[in-house]
C-alpha atoms as a PDB file:
ATOM      1  CA  MET A   1     102.585  72.465  85.991  1.00  0.00           C
ATOM      2  CA  GLU A   2      99.074  73.482  84.993  1.00  0.00           C
ATOM      3  CA  LEU A   3      97.679  71.377  87.835  1.00  0.00           C
ATOM      4  CA  TYR A   4      99.871  73.236  90.353  1.00  0.00           C
ATOM      5  CA  THR A   5      98.661  76.559  88.974  1.00  0.00           C
ATOM      6  CA  ILE A   6      95.018  75.549  89.307  1.00  0.00           C
ATOM      7  CA  ALA A   7      95.614  74.192  92.808  1.00  0.00           C
ATOM      8  CA  GLY A   8      97.451  77.400  93.803  1.00  0.00           C
ATOM      9  CA  TRP A   9      94.568  79.603  92.687  1.00  0.00           C
ATOM     10  CA  ALA A  10      92.067  77.303  94.427  1.00  0.00           C
ATOM     11  CA  MET A  11      94.006  77.431  97.699  1.00  0.00           C
ATOM     12  CA  THR A  12      94.309  81.217  97.410  1.00  0.00           C
ATOM     13  CA  ALA A  13      90.539  81.524  96.982  1.00  0.00           C
ATOM     14  CA  LEU A  14      90.038  79.172  99.922  1.00  0.00           C
ATOM     15  CA  GLY A  15      92.383  81.353 101.991  1.00  0.00           C
ATOM     16  CA  TRP A  16      90.390  84.509 101.155  1.00  0.00           C
ATOM     17  CA  ILE A  17      87.102  82.785 101.964  1.00  0.00           C
ATOM     18  CA  THR A  18      88.421  81.354 105.219  1.00  0.00           C
ATOM     19  CA  THR A  19      89.585  84.810 106.300  1.00  0.00           C
ATOM     20  CA  ASP A  20      86.242  86.330 105.321  1.00  0.00           C
ATOM     21  CA  ILE A  21      84.346  83.869 107.513  1.00  0.00           C
ATOM     22  CA  GLY A  22      86.518  84.819 110.473  1.00  0.00           C
ATOM     23  CA  HIS A  23      89.291  82.209 110.545  1.00  0.00           C
ATOM     24  CA  PRO A  24      92.481  84.010 109.476  1.00  0.00           C
ATOM     25  CA  ASP A  25      94.698  81.517 111.322  1.00  0.00           C
ATOM     26  CA  ILE A  26      93.324  78.644 109.258  1.00  0.00           C
ATOM     27  CA  ALA A  27      93.572  80.802 106.138  1.00  0.00           C
ATOM     28  CA  THR A  28      97.280  81.208 106.796  1.00  0.00           C
ATOM     29  CA  ARG A  29      97.732  77.449 106.455  1.00  0.00           C
ATOM     30  CA  HIS A  30      95.808  77.399 103.178  1.00  0.00           C
ATOM     31  CA  LEU A  31      97.932  80.259 101.882  1.00  0.00           C
ATOM     32  CA  ARG A  32     101.199  78.508 102.794  1.00  0.00           C
ATOM     33  CA  THR A  33     100.030  75.623 100.612  1.00  0.00           C
ATOM     34  CA  ALA A  34      99.091  78.044  97.822  1.00  0.00           C
ATOM     35  CA  TRP A  35     102.589  79.548  98.049  1.00  0.00           C
ATOM     36  CA  ALA A  36     104.163  76.104  97.618  1.00  0.00           C
ATOM     37  CA  PHE A  37     102.144  75.639  94.423  1.00  0.00           C
ATOM     38  CA  ALA A  38     103.157  79.105  93.202  1.00  0.00           C
ATOM     39  CA  GLU A  39     106.805  78.290  93.859  1.00  0.00           C
ATOM     40  CA  ASN A  40     106.482  75.095  91.803  1.00  0.00           C
ATOM     41  CA  THR A  41     105.099  77.042  88.854  1.00  0.00           C
ATOM     42  CA  ALA A  42     107.136  80.271  89.270  1.00  0.00           C
ATOM     43  CA  ASP A  43     103.855  82.161  88.779  1.00  0.00           C
ATOM     44  CA  ASN A  44     104.392  85.762  89.905  1.00  0.00           C
ATOM     45  CA  GLU A  45     100.780  86.757  89.342  1.00  0.00           C
ATOM     46  CA  LEU A  46      99.691  83.987  91.695  1.00  0.00           C
ATOM     47  CA  ARG A  47     102.387  85.011  94.183  1.00  0.00           C
ATOM     48  CA  GLY A  48     101.082  88.582  94.097  1.00  0.00           C
ATOM     49  CA  TRP A  49      97.520  87.505  94.879  1.00  0.00           C
ATOM     50  CA  ILE A  50      98.677  85.095  97.599  1.00  0.00           C
ATOM     51  CA  ARG A  51     100.545  87.946  99.276  1.00  0.00           C
ATOM     52  CA  ALA A  52      97.361  90.040  99.091  1.00  0.00           C
ATOM     53  CA  ALA A  53      95.429  87.279 100.848  1.00  0.00           C
ATOM     54  CA  GLN A  54      98.235  86.911 103.411  1.00  0.00           C
ATOM     55  CA  ASN A  55      98.113  90.647 104.022  1.00  0.00           C
ATOM     56  CA  THR A  56      94.379  90.451 104.684  1.00  0.00           C
ATOM     57  CA  ALA A  57      94.692  87.464 107.038  1.00  0.00           C
ATOM     58  CA  ALA A  58      97.489  89.163 108.997  1.00  0.00           C
ATOM     59  CA  ALA A  59      95.514  92.409 109.267  1.00  0.00           C
ATOM     60  CA  TRP A  60      92.471  90.498 110.552  1.00  0.00           C
ATOM     61  CA  ARG A  61      94.707  88.952 113.222  1.00  0.00           C
ATOM     62  CA  GLY A  62      95.909  92.445 114.155  1.00  0.00           C
ATOM     63  CA  GLU A  63      99.444  91.638 113.026  1.00  0.00           C
ATOM     64  CA  HIS A  64      99.984  94.806 111.044  1.00  0.00           C
ATOM     65  CA  GLN A  65     103.761  94.500 110.728  1.00  0.00           C
ATOM     66  CA  GLU A  66     103.313  91.082 109.116  1.00  0.00           C
ATOM     67  CA  ALA A  67     100.610  92.606 106.915  1.00  0.00           C
ATOM     68  CA  VAL A  68     102.988  95.385 105.804  1.00  0.00           C
ATOM     69  CA  GLU A  69     105.639  92.794 104.961  1.00  0.00           C
ATOM     70  CA  ALA A  70     103.161  90.772 102.875  1.00  0.00           C
ATOM     71  CA  ALA A  71     102.033  93.894 100.996  1.00  0.00           C
ATOM     72  CA  THR A  72     105.600  95.050 100.400  1.00  0.00           C
ATOM     73  CA  ASP A  73     106.631  91.651  99.069  1.00  0.00           C
ATOM     74  CA  GLY A  74     103.414  91.453  97.070  1.00  0.00           C
ATOM     75  CA  LEU A  75     104.314  94.655  95.253  1.00  0.00           C
ATOM     76  CA  SER A  76     107.520  92.977  94.062  1.00  0.00           C
ATOM     77  CA  HIS A  77     105.505  90.106  92.552  1.00  0.00           C
ATOM     78  CA  ALA A  78     102.453  91.991  91.297  1.00  0.00           C
ATOM     79  CA  GLY A  79     102.529  92.557  87.598  1.00  0.00           C
ATOM     80  CA  SER A  80      99.572  94.816  86.958  1.00  0.00           C
ATOM     81  CA  GLY A  81      96.998  97.256  88.213  1.00  0.00           C
ATOM     82  CA  THR A  82      94.433  95.697  90.501  1.00  0.00           C
ATOM     83  CA  VAL A  83      96.699  93.654  92.730  1.00  0.00           C
ATOM     84  CA  MET A  84      99.326  96.420  92.806  1.00  0.00           C
ATOM     85  CA  LEU A  85      96.694  98.930  93.885  1.00  0.00           C
ATOM     86  CA  LEU A  86      95.427  96.499  96.515  1.00  0.00           C
ATOM     87  CA  HIS A  87      98.943  96.030  97.937  1.00  0.00           C
ATOM     88  CA  ALA A  88      99.797  99.726  98.021  1.00  0.00           C
ATOM     89  CA  SER A  89      96.475 100.627  99.648  1.00  0.00           C
ATOM     90  CA  ALA A  90      96.696  97.835 102.218  1.00  0.00           C
ATOM     91  CA  LYS A  91     100.270  98.792 103.023  1.00  0.00           C
ATOM     92  CA  ALA A  92      99.178 102.395 103.682  1.00  0.00           C
ATOM     93  CA  ILE A  93      96.400 101.228 106.005  1.00  0.00           C
ATOM     94  CA  ASP A  94      98.606  98.807 107.924  1.00  0.00           C
ATOM     95  CA  LEU A  95     101.384 101.373 108.320  1.00  0.00           C
ATOM     96  CA  ALA A  96      98.791 103.793 109.721  1.00  0.00           C
ATOM     97  CA  HIS A  97      97.687 101.130 112.217  1.00  0.00           C
ATOM     98  CA  LEU A  98     101.323 100.928 113.330  1.00  0.00           C
ATOM     99  CA  GLY A  99     101.462 104.708 113.785  1.00  0.00           C
ATOM    100  CA  ARG A 100     104.014 105.117 110.983  1.00  0.00           C
ATOM    101  CA  VAL A 101     102.301 108.146 109.478  1.00  0.00           C
ATOM    102  CA  CYS A 102     104.985 109.362 107.064  1.00  0.00           C
ATOM    103  CA  GLU A 103     105.464 105.882 105.612  1.00  0.00           C
ATOM    104  CA  SER A 104     101.696 105.488 105.391  1.00  0.00           C
ATOM    105  CA  GLU A 105     101.383 108.736 103.459  1.00  0.00           C
ATOM    106  CA  THR A 106     104.117 107.578 101.064  1.00  0.00           C
ATOM    107  CA  ALA A 107     102.334 104.260 100.510  1.00  0.00           C
ATOM    108  CA  LEU A 108      99.054 106.101  99.982  1.00  0.00           C
ATOM    109  CA  GLN A 109     100.697 108.298  97.343  1.00  0.00           C
ATOM    110  CA  GLU A 110     102.024 105.144  95.684  1.00  0.00           C
ATOM    111  CA  ALA A 111      98.456 103.799  95.600  1.00  0.00           C
ATOM    112  CA  VAL A 112      97.218 107.047  94.038  1.00  0.00           C
ATOM    113  CA  ASP A 113     100.000 106.876  91.432  1.00  0.00           C
ATOM    114  CA  ILE A 114      99.170 103.247  90.607  1.00  0.00           C
ATOM    115  CA  TYR A 115      95.500 104.156  90.260  1.00  0.00           C
ATOM    116  CA  SER A 116      96.348 107.063  87.958  1.00  0.00           C
ATOM    117  CA  ARG A 117      98.468 104.823  85.722  1.00  0.00           C
ATOM    118  CA  THR A 118      95.912 102.034  85.541  1.00  0.00           C
ATOM    119  CA  ALA A 119      92.852 104.273  85.165  1.00  0.00           C
ATOM    120  CA  ARG A 120      94.225 105.665  81.912  1.00  0.00           C
ATOM    121  CA  ARG A 121      94.245 102.263  80.203  1.00  0.00           C
END
C-alpha cells in the first residue's frame, strides 16, 4: 500500500506541474491515475489534494462547473486547514465565474471561517 501512496502523491504533483506548464488536459489524465492510487489506499488526504489539482485543471480549461464539483467533493475529503481553505476559496472563485453570486459569497464566507479556525492553531 505504501507504494500506491507514494505513486499517488507523485502523480498528483505531476498533474499540478502539467497544469502549470499549460497542459490541463494532460494533467487530467495524470490525476485520474492518482485517483486510482488514492482509491487503492483509501487515503482521504491524498484524495483532497487530487481534487484540488482537478479543480485547478478544470478552471484552466474554463470548465468552472467541473471545477466547482471538484472543490465541493474535495471539501468532503479534506481533513485539515490548507487544502480545505484552498477548496473553499477555489469554489468561491469558480462560482463567481459562473455568475452564481450568492453561492460564491457563501463559499467565500466558508473560506474565511476555515481561515479563522486554522489561523488560531
